[in-house]
Amino acid sequence: DRAGPGSACRLDGRCGCFDDLDCGEAQSGRVCSGATQTCVSGCRTAGGNSCPAGFRCENTPRGTGACVATGTVVDAGPSNDFGGAGGCSAGHARGAMASVLALALAALVRRRRQG
């Protein structure tokens, strides 16, 4: 599913992704990793999924950006994968909502550590 590895069924029979649309809606904060063909948290400034409202895409040296709450500063460390389990189904709303909640929680934790 889109909250997990992706909604596309790959040739090897496992779920994954071929492009960002397999990972959620345009503002899901999840993108398709070309290296693993699985969905990971992140964003693209152009040509792919971006961040939910209240977040901006912060570029990183790896090419995939990180969604950070507007008004915060983030380092270029590794991003967290939202993970999840499930089959190759397109559970859009639940996956997108889980992504938004996970991003909000991450922003809250980050602010508490900085403050």
PDB file of N, CA and C in Angstrom:
ATOM      1  N   ASP A   1       0.833  -1.186   0.000  1.00  0.00           N
ATOM      2  CA  ASP A   1       0.000   0.000   0.000  1.00  0.00           C
ATOM      3  C   ASP A   1       0.868   1.236   0.000  1.00  0.00           C
ATOM      4  N   ARG A   2       0.288   2.386  -0.210  1.00  0.00           N
ATOM      5  CA  ARG A   2       1.070   3.617  -0.345  1.00  0.00           C
ATOM      6  C   ARG A   2       1.726   4.039   0.954  1.00  0.00           C
ATOM      7  N   ALA A   3       1.230   3.589   2.103  1.00  0.00           N
ATOM      8  CA  ALA A   3       1.866   3.913   3.383  1.00  0.00           C
ATOM      9  C   ALA A   3       3.051   2.989   3.637  1.00  0.00           C
ATOM     10  N   GLY A   4       3.131   1.897   2.903  1.00  0.00           N
ATOM     11  CA  GLY A   4       4.221   0.943   3.040  1.00  0.00           C
ATOM     12  C   GLY A   4       5.186   1.069   1.889  1.00  0.00           C
ATOM     13  N   PRO A   5       5.555  -0.066   1.282  1.00  0.00           N
ATOM     14  CA  PRO A   5       6.565  -0.043   0.227  1.00  0.00           C
ATOM     15  C   PRO A   5       6.083   0.565  -1.085  1.00  0.00           C
ATOM     16  N   GLY A   6       4.772   0.620  -1.320  1.00  0.00           N
ATOM     17  CA  GLY A   6       4.227   1.188  -2.549  1.00  0.00           C
ATOM     18  C   GLY A   6       3.046   0.400  -3.045  1.00  0.00           C
ATOM     19  N   SER A   7       2.279   0.996  -3.971  1.00  0.00           N
ATOM     20  CA  SER A   7       1.050   0.356  -4.445  1.00  0.00           C
ATOM     21  C   SER A   7       1.224  -0.412  -5.749  1.00  0.00           C
ATOM     22  N   ALA A   8       2.426  -0.428  -6.304  1.00  0.00           N
ATOM     23  CA  ALA A   8       2.665  -1.148  -7.555  1.00  0.00           C
ATOM     24  C   ALA A   8       3.158  -2.563  -7.257  1.00  0.00           C
ATOM     25  N   CYS A   9       2.663  -3.524  -8.020  1.00  0.00           N
ATOM     26  CA  CYS A   9       3.156  -4.893  -7.884  1.00  0.00           C
ATOM     27  C   CYS A   9       4.290  -5.075  -8.885  1.00  0.00           C
ATOM     28  N   ARG A  10       5.483  -5.291  -8.369  1.00  0.00           N
ATOM     29  CA  ARG A  10       6.672  -5.405  -9.206  1.00  0.00           C
ATOM     30  C   ARG A  10       6.754  -6.784  -9.841  1.00  0.00           C
ATOM     31  N   LEU A  11       7.649  -6.933 -10.806  1.00  0.00           N
ATOM     32  CA  LEU A  11       7.800  -8.204 -11.514  1.00  0.00           C
ATOM     33  C   LEU A  11       8.221  -9.342 -10.595  1.00  0.00           C
ATOM     34  N   ASP A  12       8.902  -9.017  -9.490  1.00  0.00           N
ATOM     35  CA  ASP A  12       9.323 -10.061  -8.552  1.00  0.00           C
ATOM     36  C   ASP A  12       8.194 -10.472  -7.608  1.00  0.00           C
ATOM     37  N   GLY A  13       6.983  -9.908  -7.796  1.00  0.00           N
ATOM     38  CA  GLY A  13       5.819 -10.279  -6.992  1.00  0.00           C
ATOM     39  C   GLY A  13       5.674  -9.485  -5.711  1.00  0.00           C
ATOM     40  N   ARG A  14       6.644  -8.625  -5.402  1.00  0.00           N
ATOM     41  CA  ARG A  14       6.564  -7.819  -4.184  1.00  0.00           C
ATOM     42  C   ARG A  14       5.976  -6.452  -4.498  1.00  0.00           C
ATOM     43  N   CYS A  15       5.441  -5.821  -3.471  1.00  0.00           N
ATOM     44  CA  CYS A  15       4.927  -4.466  -3.628  1.00  0.00           C
ATOM     45  C   CYS A  15       6.081  -3.484  -3.632  1.00  0.00           C
ATOM     46  N   GLY A  16       5.892  -2.399  -4.349  1.00  0.00           N
ATOM     47  CA  GLY A  16       6.913  -1.373  -4.421  1.00  0.00           C
ATOM     48  C   GLY A  16       6.402  -0.201  -5.220  1.00  0.00           C
ATOM     49  N   CYS A  17       7.298   0.475  -5.919  1.00  0.00           N
ATOM     50  CA  CYS A  17       6.906   1.641  -6.695  1.00  0.00           C
ATOM     51  C   CYS A  17       7.750   1.757  -7.951  1.00  0.00           C
ATOM     52  N   PHE A  18       7.177   2.430  -8.921  1.00  0.00           N
ATOM     53  CA  PHE A  18       7.892   2.757 -10.148  1.00  0.00           C
ATOM     54  C   PHE A  18       8.089   4.263 -10.265  1.00  0.00           C
ATOM     55  N   ASP A  19       7.184   5.033  -9.645  1.00  0.00           N
ATOM     56  CA  ASP A  19       7.318   6.488  -9.598  1.00  0.00           C
ATOM     57  C   ASP A  19       6.624   7.007  -8.344  1.00  0.00           C
ATOM     58  N   ASP A  20       6.726   8.298  -8.102  1.00  0.00           N
ATOM     59  CA  ASP A  20       6.206   8.889  -6.873  1.00  0.00           C
ATOM     60  C   ASP A  20       4.697   8.700  -6.700  1.00  0.00           C
ATOM     61  N   LEU A  21       3.956   8.628  -7.790  1.00  0.00           N
ATOM     62  CA  LEU A  21       2.503   8.454  -7.681  1.00  0.00           C
ATOM     63  C   LEU A  21       2.130   7.139  -6.996  1.00  0.00           C
ATOM     64  N   ASP A  22       2.998   6.131  -7.066  1.00  0.00           N
ATOM     65  CA  ASP A  22       2.751   4.862  -6.380  1.00  0.00           C
ATOM     66  C   ASP A  22       2.896   4.993  -4.863  1.00  0.00           C
ATOM     67  N   CYS A  23       3.416   6.124  -4.402  1.00  0.00           N
ATOM     68  CA  CYS A  23       3.711   6.326  -2.972  1.00  0.00           C
ATOM     69  C   CYS A  23       2.713   7.237  -2.275  1.00  0.00           C
ATOM     70  N   GLY A  24       1.802   7.801  -2.993  1.00  0.00           N
ATOM     71  CA  GLY A  24       0.812   8.686  -2.383  1.00  0.00           C
ATOM     72  C   GLY A  24       0.475   9.838  -3.298  1.00  0.00           C
ATOM     73  N   GLU A  25      -0.392  10.684  -2.790  1.00  0.00           N
ATOM     74  CA  GLU A  25      -0.835  11.834  -3.563  1.00  0.00           C
ATOM     75  C   GLU A  25       0.296  12.854  -3.694  1.00  0.00           C
ATOM     76  N   ALA A  26       0.091  13.852  -4.531  1.00  0.00           N
ATOM     77  CA  ALA A  26       1.135  14.814  -4.882  1.00  0.00           C
ATOM     78  C   ALA A  26       1.753  15.514  -3.674  1.00  0.00           C
ATOM     79  N   GLN A  27       1.021  15.661  -2.585  1.00  0.00           N
ATOM     80  CA  GLN A  27       1.549  16.319  -1.390  1.00  0.00           C
ATOM     81  C   GLN A  27       1.622  15.349  -0.215  1.00  0.00           C
ATOM     82  N   SER A  28       2.043  14.123  -0.480  1.00  0.00           N
ATOM     83  CA  SER A  28       2.074  13.071   0.546  1.00  0.00           C
ATOM     84  C   SER A  28       3.338  13.086   1.397  1.00  0.00           C
ATOM     85  N   GLY A  29       4.411  13.706   0.918  1.00  0.00           N
ATOM     86  CA  GLY A  29       5.675  13.661   1.649  1.00  0.00           C
ATOM     87  C   GLY A  29       6.370  12.321   1.524  1.00  0.00           C
ATOM     88  N   ARG A  30       6.034  11.553   0.469  1.00  0.00           N
ATOM     89  CA  ARG A  30       6.658  10.254   0.210  1.00  0.00           C
ATOM     90  C   ARG A  30       7.035  10.177  -1.265  1.00  0.00           C
ATOM     91  N   VAL A  31       8.198   9.616  -1.543  1.00  0.00           N
ATOM     92  CA  VAL A  31       8.693   9.491  -2.912  1.00  0.00           C
ATOM     93  C   VAL A  31       9.180   8.068  -3.156  1.00  0.00           C
ATOM     94  N   CYS A  32       9.333   7.735  -4.419  1.00  0.00           N
ATOM     95  CA  CYS A  32       9.822   6.413  -4.806  1.00  0.00           C
ATOM     96  C   CYS A  32      11.341   6.445  -4.892  1.00  0.00           C
ATOM     97  N   SER A  33      11.984   5.570  -4.135  1.00  0.00           N
ATOM     98  CA  SER A  33      13.436   5.445  -4.206  1.00  0.00           C
ATOM     99  C   SER A  33      13.781   4.602  -5.430  1.00  0.00           C
ATOM    100  N   GLY A  34      14.497   5.182  -6.367  1.00  0.00           N
ATOM    101  CA  GLY A  34      14.877   4.447  -7.567  1.00  0.00           C
ATOM    102  C   GLY A  34      15.787   3.271  -7.275  1.00  0.00           C
ATOM    103  N   ALA A  35      16.591   3.389  -6.229  1.00  0.00           N
ATOM    104  CA  ALA A  35      17.544   2.324  -5.888  1.00  0.00           C
ATOM    105  C   ALA A  35      16.840   1.078  -5.367  1.00  0.00           C
ATOM    106  N   THR A  36      15.803   1.259  -4.546  1.00  0.00           N
ATOM    107  CA  THR A  36      15.132   0.105  -3.925  1.00  0.00           C
ATOM    108  C   THR A  36      13.742  -0.154  -4.476  1.00  0.00           C
ATOM    109  N   GLN A  37      13.236   0.745  -5.295  1.00  0.00           N
ATOM    110  CA  GLN A  37      11.866   0.675  -5.810  1.00  0.00           C
ATOM    111  C   GLN A  37      10.863   0.509  -4.674  1.00  0.00           C
ATOM    112  N   THR A  38      11.095   1.224  -3.573  1.00  0.00           N
ATOM    113  CA  THR A  38      10.151   1.272  -2.456  1.00  0.00           C
ATOM    114  C   THR A  38       9.930   2.730  -2.078  1.00  0.00           C
ATOM    115  N   CYS A  39       8.797   2.987  -1.435  1.00  0.00           N
ATOM    116  CA  CYS A  39       8.466   4.342  -1.012  1.00  0.00           C
ATOM    117  C   CYS A  39       9.211   4.699   0.264  1.00  0.00           C
ATOM    118  N   VAL A  40       9.718   5.914   0.304  1.00  0.00           N
ATOM    119  CA  VAL A  40      10.417   6.423   1.479  1.00  0.00           C
ATOM    120  C   VAL A  40       9.894   7.828   1.763  1.00  0.00           C
ATOM    121  N   SER A  41      10.089   8.288   2.980  1.00  0.00           N
ATOM    122  CA  SER A  41       9.682   9.655   3.290  1.00  0.00           C
ATOM    123  C   SER A  41      10.609  10.603   2.555  1.00  0.00           C
ATOM    124  N   GLY A  42      10.039  11.700   2.082  1.00  0.00           N
ATOM    125  CA  GLY A  42      10.840  12.679   1.367  1.00  0.00           C
ATOM    126  C   GLY A  42      10.004  13.467   0.389  1.00  0.00           C
ATOM    127  N   CYS A  43      10.680  14.276  -0.410  1.00  0.00           N
ATOM    128  CA  CYS A  43       9.993  15.150  -1.354  1.00  0.00           C
ATOM    129  C   CYS A  43      10.937  15.499  -2.498  1.00  0.00           C
ATOM    130  N   ARG A  44      10.357  16.049  -3.523  1.00  0.00           N
ATOM    131  CA  ARG A  44      11.126  16.568  -4.655  1.00  0.00           C
ATOM    132  C   ARG A  44      10.656  18.001  -4.902  1.00  0.00           C
ATOM    133  N   THR A  45      11.578  18.872  -5.220  1.00  0.00           N
ATOM    134  CA  THR A  45      11.199  20.253  -5.475  1.00  0.00           C
ATOM    135  C   THR A  45      10.548  20.405  -6.847  1.00  0.00           C
ATOM    136  N   ALA A  46      10.781  19.453  -7.745  1.00  0.00           N
ATOM    137  CA  ALA A  46      10.156  19.467  -9.067  1.00  0.00           C
ATOM    138  C   ALA A  46      10.095  18.036  -9.594  1.00  0.00           C
ATOM    139  N   GLY A  47       9.051  17.731 -10.324  1.00  0.00           N
ATOM    140  CA  GLY A  47       8.963  16.439 -10.991  1.00  0.00           C
ATOM    141  C   GLY A  47       8.606  15.261 -10.100  1.00  0.00           C
ATOM    142  N   GLY A  48       7.920  15.491  -9.006  1.00  0.00           N
ATOM    143  CA  GLY A  48       7.533  14.399  -8.126  1.00  0.00           C
ATOM    144  C   GLY A  48       6.703  14.895  -6.971  1.00  0.00           C
ATOM    145  N   ASN A  49       6.524  14.046  -5.976  1.00  0.00           N
ATOM    146  CA  ASN A  49       5.704  14.395  -4.824  1.00  0.00           C
ATOM    147  C   ASN A  49       6.371  15.454  -3.963  1.00  0.00           C
ATOM    148  N   SER A  50       5.538  16.304  -3.390  1.00  0.00           N
ATOM    149  CA  SER A  50       6.036  17.351  -2.507  1.00  0.00           C
ATOM    150  C   SER A  50       5.517  17.102  -1.092  1.00  0.00           C
ATOM    151  N   CYS A  51       5.512  18.126  -0.277  1.00  0.00           N
ATOM    152  CA  CYS A  51       5.157  18.008   1.144  1.00  0.00           C
ATOM    153  C   CYS A  51       3.722  18.455   1.398  1.00  0.00           C
ATOM    154  N   PRO A  52       3.147  17.977   2.511  1.00  0.00           N
ATOM    155  CA  PRO A  52       1.806  18.433   2.898  1.00  0.00           C
ATOM    156  C   PRO A  52       1.823  19.916   3.290  1.00  0.00           C
ATOM    157  N   ALA A  53       0.647  20.501   3.388  1.00  0.00           N
ATOM    158  CA  ALA A  53       0.513  21.893   3.816  1.00  0.00           C
ATOM    159  C   ALA A  53       1.185  22.074   5.173  1.00  0.00           C
ATOM    160  N   GLY A  54       1.889  23.194   5.349  1.00  0.00           N
ATOM    161  CA  GLY A  54       2.576  23.474   6.603  1.00  0.00           C
ATOM    162  C   GLY A  54       4.013  22.979   6.618  1.00  0.00           C
ATOM    163  N   PHE A  55       4.435  22.312   5.532  1.00  0.00           N
ATOM    164  CA  PHE A  55       5.796  21.793   5.414  1.00  0.00           C
ATOM    165  C   PHE A  55       6.407  22.288   4.121  1.00  0.00           C
ATOM    166  N   ARG A  56       7.729  22.334   4.085  1.00  0.00           N
ATOM    167  CA  ARG A  56       8.437  22.703   2.854  1.00  0.00           C
ATOM    168  C   ARG A  56       9.470  21.621   2.552  1.00  0.00           C
ATOM    169  N   CYS A  57       9.880  21.549   1.299  1.00  0.00           N
ATOM    170  CA  CYS A  57      10.862  20.550   0.885  1.00  0.00           C
ATOM    171  C   CYS A  57      12.254  21.123   1.046  1.00  0.00           C
ATOM    172  N   GLU A  58      13.029  20.529   1.941  1.00  0.00           N
ATOM    173  CA  GLU A  58      14.406  20.947   2.200  1.00  0.00           C
ATOM    174  C   GLU A  58      15.321  20.000   1.423  1.00  0.00           C
ATOM    175  N   ASN A  59      16.075  20.534   0.488  1.00  0.00           N
ATOM    176  CA  ASN A  59      16.963  19.691  -0.324  1.00  0.00           C
ATOM    177  C   ASN A  59      18.081  19.086   0.524  1.00  0.00           C
ATOM    178  N   THR A  60      18.511  17.900   0.138  1.00  0.00           N
ATOM    179  CA  THR A  60      19.633  17.240   0.793  1.00  0.00           C
ATOM    180  C   THR A  60      20.642  16.838  -0.271  1.00  0.00           C
ATOM    181  N   PRO A  61      21.869  16.532   0.122  1.00  0.00           N
ATOM    182  CA  PRO A  61      22.882  16.122  -0.852  1.00  0.00           C
ATOM    183  C   PRO A  61      22.508  14.854  -1.621  1.00  0.00           C
ATOM    184  N   ARG A  62      21.608  14.039  -1.094  1.00  0.00           N
ATOM    185  CA  ARG A  62      21.236  12.789  -1.769  1.00  0.00           C
ATOM    186  C   ARG A  62      20.284  12.991  -2.930  1.00  0.00           C
ATOM    187  N   GLY A  63      19.745  14.194  -3.120  1.00  0.00           N
ATOM    188  CA  GLY A  63      18.843  14.450  -4.223  1.00  0.00           C
ATOM    189  C   GLY A  63      17.385  14.402  -3.832  1.00  0.00           C
ATOM    190  N   THR A  64      17.019  13.617  -2.840  1.00  0.00           N
ATOM    191  CA  THR A  64      15.658  13.594  -2.333  1.00  0.00           C
ATOM    192  C   THR A  64      15.617  14.498  -1.123  1.00  0.00           C
ATOM    193  N   GLY A  65      14.646  15.414  -1.108  1.00  0.00           N
ATOM    194  CA  GLY A  65      14.551  16.347   0.002  1.00  0.00           C
ATOM    195  C   GLY A  65      13.796  15.765   1.181  1.00  0.00           C
ATOM    196  N   ALA A  66      13.802  16.500   2.268  1.00  0.00           N
ATOM    197  CA  ALA A  66      13.083  16.134   3.477  1.00  0.00           C
ATOM    198  C   ALA A  66      12.003  17.171   3.732  1.00  0.00           C
ATOM    199  N   CYS A  67      10.815  16.724   4.121  1.00  0.00           N
ATOM    200  CA  CYS A  67       9.744  17.643   4.480  1.00  0.00           C
ATOM    201  C   CYS A  67       9.984  18.138   5.900  1.00  0.00           C
ATOM    202  N   VAL A  68      10.091  19.442   6.048  1.00  0.00           N
ATOM    203  CA  VAL A  68      10.290  20.044   7.364  1.00  0.00           C
ATOM    204  C   VAL A  68       9.201  21.082   7.584  1.00  0.00           C
ATOM    205  N   ALA A  69       8.812  21.235   8.841  1.00  0.00           N
ATOM    206  CA  ALA A  69       7.785  22.211   9.171  1.00  0.00           C
ATOM    207  C   ALA A  69       8.259  23.597   8.757  1.00  0.00           C
ATOM    208  N   THR A  70       7.376  24.373   8.195  1.00  0.00           N
ATOM    209  CA  THR A  70       7.714  25.728   7.791  1.00  0.00           C
ATOM    210  C   THR A  70       8.233  26.484   9.002  1.00  0.00           C
ATOM    211  N   GLY A  71       9.379  27.137   8.867  1.00  0.00           N
ATOM    212  CA  GLY A  71       9.969  27.900   9.952  1.00  0.00           C
ATOM    213  C   GLY A  71      11.014  27.144  10.748  1.00  0.00           C
ATOM    214  N   THR A  72      11.311  25.877  10.400  1.00  0.00           N
ATOM    215  CA  THR A  72      12.342  25.131  11.113  1.00  0.00           C
ATOM    216  C   THR A  72      13.544  24.933  10.207  1.00  0.00           C
ATOM    217  N   VAL A  73      14.673  24.631  10.822  1.00  0.00           N
ATOM    218  CA  VAL A  73      15.908  24.352  10.096  1.00  0.00           C
ATOM    219  C   VAL A  73      16.240  22.892  10.337  1.00  0.00           C
ATOM    220  N   VAL A  74      16.658  22.189   9.291  1.00  0.00           N
ATOM    221  CA  VAL A  74      16.945  20.765   9.406  1.00  0.00           C
ATOM    222  C   VAL A  74      18.351  20.483   8.905  1.00  0.00           C
ATOM    223  N   ASP A  75      19.004  19.464   9.486  1.00  0.00           N
ATOM    224  CA  ASP A  75      20.307  19.052   8.965  1.00  0.00           C
ATOM    225  C   ASP A  75      20.090  18.116   7.785  1.00  0.00           C
ATOM    226  N   ALA A  76      21.161  17.709   7.124  1.00  0.00           N
ATOM    227  CA  ALA A  76      21.059  16.865   5.938  1.00  0.00           C
ATOM    228  C   ALA A  76      21.205  15.390   6.283  1.00  0.00           C
ATOM    229  N   GLY A  77      20.873  15.004   7.498  1.00  0.00           N
ATOM    230  CA  GLY A  77      20.972  13.606   7.915  1.00  0.00           C
ATOM    231  C   GLY A  77      19.941  12.743   7.237  1.00  0.00           C
ATOM    232  N   PRO A  78      19.978  11.449   7.500  1.00  0.00           N
ATOM    233  CA  PRO A  78      19.050  10.535   6.845  1.00  0.00           C
ATOM    234  C   PRO A  78      17.618  10.790   7.269  1.00  0.00           C
ATOM    235  N   SER A  79      16.696  10.574   6.334  1.00  0.00           N
ATOM    236  CA  SER A  79      15.287  10.729   6.661  1.00  0.00           C
ATOM    237  C   SER A  79      14.738   9.385   7.136  1.00  0.00           C
ATOM    238  N   ASN A  80      13.649   9.432   7.860  1.00  0.00           N
ATOM    239  CA  ASN A  80      13.021   8.213   8.355  1.00  0.00           C
ATOM    240  C   ASN A  80      12.028   7.688   7.344  1.00  0.00           C
ATOM    241  N   ASP A  81      11.972   6.390   7.200  1.00  0.00           N
ATOM    242  CA  ASP A  81      10.980   5.757   6.343  1.00  0.00           C
ATOM    243  C   ASP A  81       9.758   5.481   7.201  1.00  0.00           C
ATOM    244  N   PHE A  82       8.594   5.847   6.708  1.00  0.00           N
ATOM    245  CA  PHE A  82       7.378   5.613   7.472  1.00  0.00           C
ATOM    246  C   PHE A  82       7.072   4.134   7.586  1.00  0.00           C
ATOM    247  N   GLY A  83       7.618   3.333   6.672  1.00  0.00           N
ATOM    248  CA  GLY A  83       7.441   1.888   6.737  1.00  0.00           C
ATOM    249  C   GLY A  83       5.989   1.489   6.626  1.00  0.00           C
ATOM    250  N   GLY A  84       5.687   0.321   7.141  1.00  0.00           N
ATOM    251  CA  GLY A  84       4.325  -0.177   7.092  1.00  0.00           C
ATOM    252  C   GLY A  84       4.281  -1.491   6.379  1.00  0.00           C
ATOM    253  N   ALA A  85       3.219  -2.184   6.555  1.00  0.00           N
ATOM    254  CA  ALA A  85       3.045  -3.467   5.900  1.00  0.00           C
ATOM    255  C   ALA A  85       1.763  -3.430   5.108  1.00  0.00           C
ATOM    256  N   GLY A  86       1.599  -4.379   4.245  1.00  0.00           N
ATOM    257  CA  GLY A  86       0.348  -4.450   3.504  1.00  0.00           C
ATOM    258  C   GLY A  86       0.565  -4.999   2.128  1.00  0.00           C
ATOM    259  N   GLY A  87      -0.524  -5.230   1.452  1.00  0.00           N
ATOM    260  CA  GLY A  87      -0.480  -5.765   0.105  1.00  0.00           C
ATOM    261  C   GLY A  87      -0.432  -4.666  -0.926  1.00  0.00           C
ATOM    262  N   CYS A  88      -0.531  -5.048  -2.172  1.00  0.00           N
ATOM    263  CA  CYS A  88      -0.486  -4.097  -3.277  1.00  0.00           C
ATOM    264  C   CYS A  88      -1.865  -3.520  -3.510  1.00  0.00           C
ATOM    265  N   SER A  89      -2.326  -2.698  -2.623  1.00  0.00           N
ATOM    266  CA  SER A  89      -3.620  -2.056  -2.787  1.00  0.00           C
ATOM    267  C   SER A  89      -3.419  -0.562  -2.699  1.00  0.00           C
ATOM    268  N   ALA A  90      -4.330   0.181  -3.268  1.00  0.00           N
ATOM    269  CA  ALA A  90      -4.198   1.631  -3.300  1.00  0.00           C
ATOM    270  C   ALA A  90      -5.036   2.257  -2.195  1.00  0.00           C
ATOM    271  N   GLY A  91      -4.614   2.131  -0.943  1.00  0.00           N
ATOM    272  CA  GLY A  91      -5.307   2.726   0.188  1.00  0.00           C
ATOM    273  C   GLY A  91      -4.859   4.159   0.368  1.00  0.00           C
ATOM    274  N   HIS A  92      -5.262   5.039  -0.529  1.00  0.00           N
ATOM    275  CA  HIS A  92      -4.781   6.411  -0.611  1.00  0.00           C
ATOM    276  C   HIS A  92      -5.010   7.203   0.676  1.00  0.00           C
ATOM    277  N   ALA A  93      -6.231   7.324   1.107  1.00  0.00           N
ATOM    278  CA  ALA A  93      -6.557   8.230   2.204  1.00  0.00           C
ATOM    279  C   ALA A  93      -5.848   7.828   3.492  1.00  0.00           C
ATOM    280  N   ARG A  94      -5.884   6.555   3.840  1.00  0.00           N
ATOM    281  CA  ARG A  94      -5.259   6.112   5.079  1.00  0.00           C
ATOM    282  C   ARG A  94      -3.747   6.334   5.021  1.00  0.00           C
ATOM    283  N   GLY A  95      -3.117   6.015   3.897  1.00  0.00           N
ATOM    284  CA  GLY A  95      -1.679   6.187   3.760  1.00  0.00           C
ATOM    285  C   GLY A  95      -1.269   7.645   3.807  1.00  0.00           C
ATOM    286  N   ALA A  96      -2.017   8.498   3.122  1.00  0.00           N
ATOM    287  CA  ALA A  96      -1.698   9.923   3.124  1.00  0.00           C
ATOM    288  C   ALA A  96      -1.875  10.506   4.517  1.00  0.00           C
ATOM    289  N   MET A  97      -2.941  10.110   5.210  1.00  0.00           N
ATOM    290  CA  MET A  97      -3.180  10.611   6.560  1.00  0.00           C
ATOM    291  C   MET A  97      -2.074  10.143   7.507  1.00  0.00           C
ATOM    292  N   ALA A  98      -1.652   8.893   7.381  1.00  0.00           N
ATOM    293  CA  ALA A  98      -0.561   8.386   8.224  1.00  0.00           C
ATOM    294  C   ALA A  98       0.721   9.163   7.952  1.00  0.00           C
ATOM    295  N   SER A  99       0.971   9.503   6.701  1.00  0.00           N
ATOM    296  CA  SER A  99       2.164  10.276   6.348  1.00  0.00           C
ATOM    297  C   SER A  99       2.120  11.665   6.977  1.00  0.00           C
ATOM    298  N   VAL A 100       0.961  12.310   6.893  1.00  0.00           N
ATOM    299  CA  VAL A 100       0.816  13.650   7.464  1.00  0.00           C
ATOM    300  C   VAL A 100       1.011  13.608   8.973  1.00  0.00           C
ATOM    301  N   LEU A 101       0.411  12.631   9.632  1.00  0.00           N
ATOM    302  CA  LEU A 101       0.557  12.512  11.084  1.00  0.00           C
ATOM    303  C   LEU A 101       1.999  12.230  11.481  1.00  0.00           C
ATOM    304  N   ALA A 102       2.671  11.369  10.734  1.00  0.00           N
ATOM    305  CA  ALA A 102       4.068  11.058  11.036  1.00  0.00           C
ATOM    306  C   ALA A 102       4.951  12.288  10.845  1.00  0.00           C
ATOM    307  N   LEU A 103       4.707  13.069   9.798  1.00  0.00           N
ATOM    308  CA  LEU A 103       5.480  14.288   9.561  1.00  0.00           C
ATOM    309  C   LEU A 103       5.250  15.306  10.678  1.00  0.00           C
ATOM    310  N   ALA A 104       3.992  15.449  11.113  1.00  0.00           N
ATOM    311  CA  ALA A 104       3.684  16.391  12.188  1.00  0.00           C
ATOM    312  C   ALA A 104       4.365  15.971  13.488  1.00  0.00           C
ATOM    313  N   LEU A 105       4.349  14.678  13.782  1.00  0.00           N
ATOM    314  CA  LEU A 105       5.001  14.176  14.987  1.00  0.00           C
ATOM    315  C   LEU A 105       6.510  14.403  14.921  1.00  0.00           C
ATOM    316  N   ALA A 106       7.114  14.153  13.769  1.00  0.00           N
ATOM    317  CA  ALA A 106       8.551  14.360  13.609  1.00  0.00           C
ATOM    318  C   ALA A 106       8.910  15.833  13.814  1.00  0.00           C
ATOM    319  N   ALA A 107       8.082  16.735  13.294  1.00  0.00           N
ATOM    320  CA  ALA A 107       8.339  18.168  13.462  1.00  0.00           C
ATOM    321  C   ALA A 107       8.234  18.562  14.930  1.00  0.00           C
ATOM    322  N   LEU A 108       7.265  18.024  15.643  1.00  0.00           N
ATOM    323  CA  LEU A 108       7.097  18.322  17.064  1.00  0.00           C
ATOM    324  C   LEU A 108       8.306  17.848  17.858  1.00  0.00           C
ATOM    325  N   VAL A 109       8.761  16.626  17.592  1.00  0.00           N
ATOM    326  CA  VAL A 109       9.925  16.073  18.290  1.00  0.00           C
ATOM    327  C   VAL A 109      11.161  16.929  17.998  1.00  0.00           C
ATOM    328  N   ARG A 110      11.346  17.307  16.767  1.00  0.00           N
ATOM    329  CA  ARG A 110      12.494  18.115  16.377  1.00  0.00           C
ATOM    330  C   ARG A 110      12.481  19.469  17.088  1.00  0.00           C
ATOM    331  N   ARG A 111      11.315  20.102  17.182  1.00  0.00           N
ATOM    332  CA  ARG A 111      11.211  21.404  17.855  1.00  0.00           C
ATOM    333  C   ARG A 111      11.533  21.281  19.334  1.00  0.00           C
ATOM    334  N   ARG A 112      11.076  20.197  19.968  1.00  0.00           N
ATOM    335  CA  ARG A 112      11.349  20.014  21.395  1.00  0.00           C
ATOM    336  C   ARG A 112      12.843  19.798  21.628  1.00  0.00           C
ATOM    337  N   ARG A 113      13.518  19.099  20.724  1.00  0.00           N
ATOM    338  CA  ARG A 113      14.954  18.879  20.864  1.00  0.00           C
ATOM    339  C   ARG A 113      15.739  20.164  20.684  1.00  0.00           C
ATOM    340  N   GLN A 114      15.262  21.035  19.795  1.00  0.00           N
ATOM    341  CA  GLN A 114      15.956  22.300  19.525  1.00  0.00           C
ATOM    342  C   GLN A 114      15.695  23.322  20.626  1.00  0.00           C
ATOM    343  N   GLY A 115      14.551  23.224  21.260  1.00  0.00           N
ATOM    344  CA  GLY A 115      14.166  24.235  22.251  1.00  0.00           C
ATOM    345  C   GLY A 115      14.475  23.791  23.575  1.00  0.00           C
TER     346      GLY A 115
END
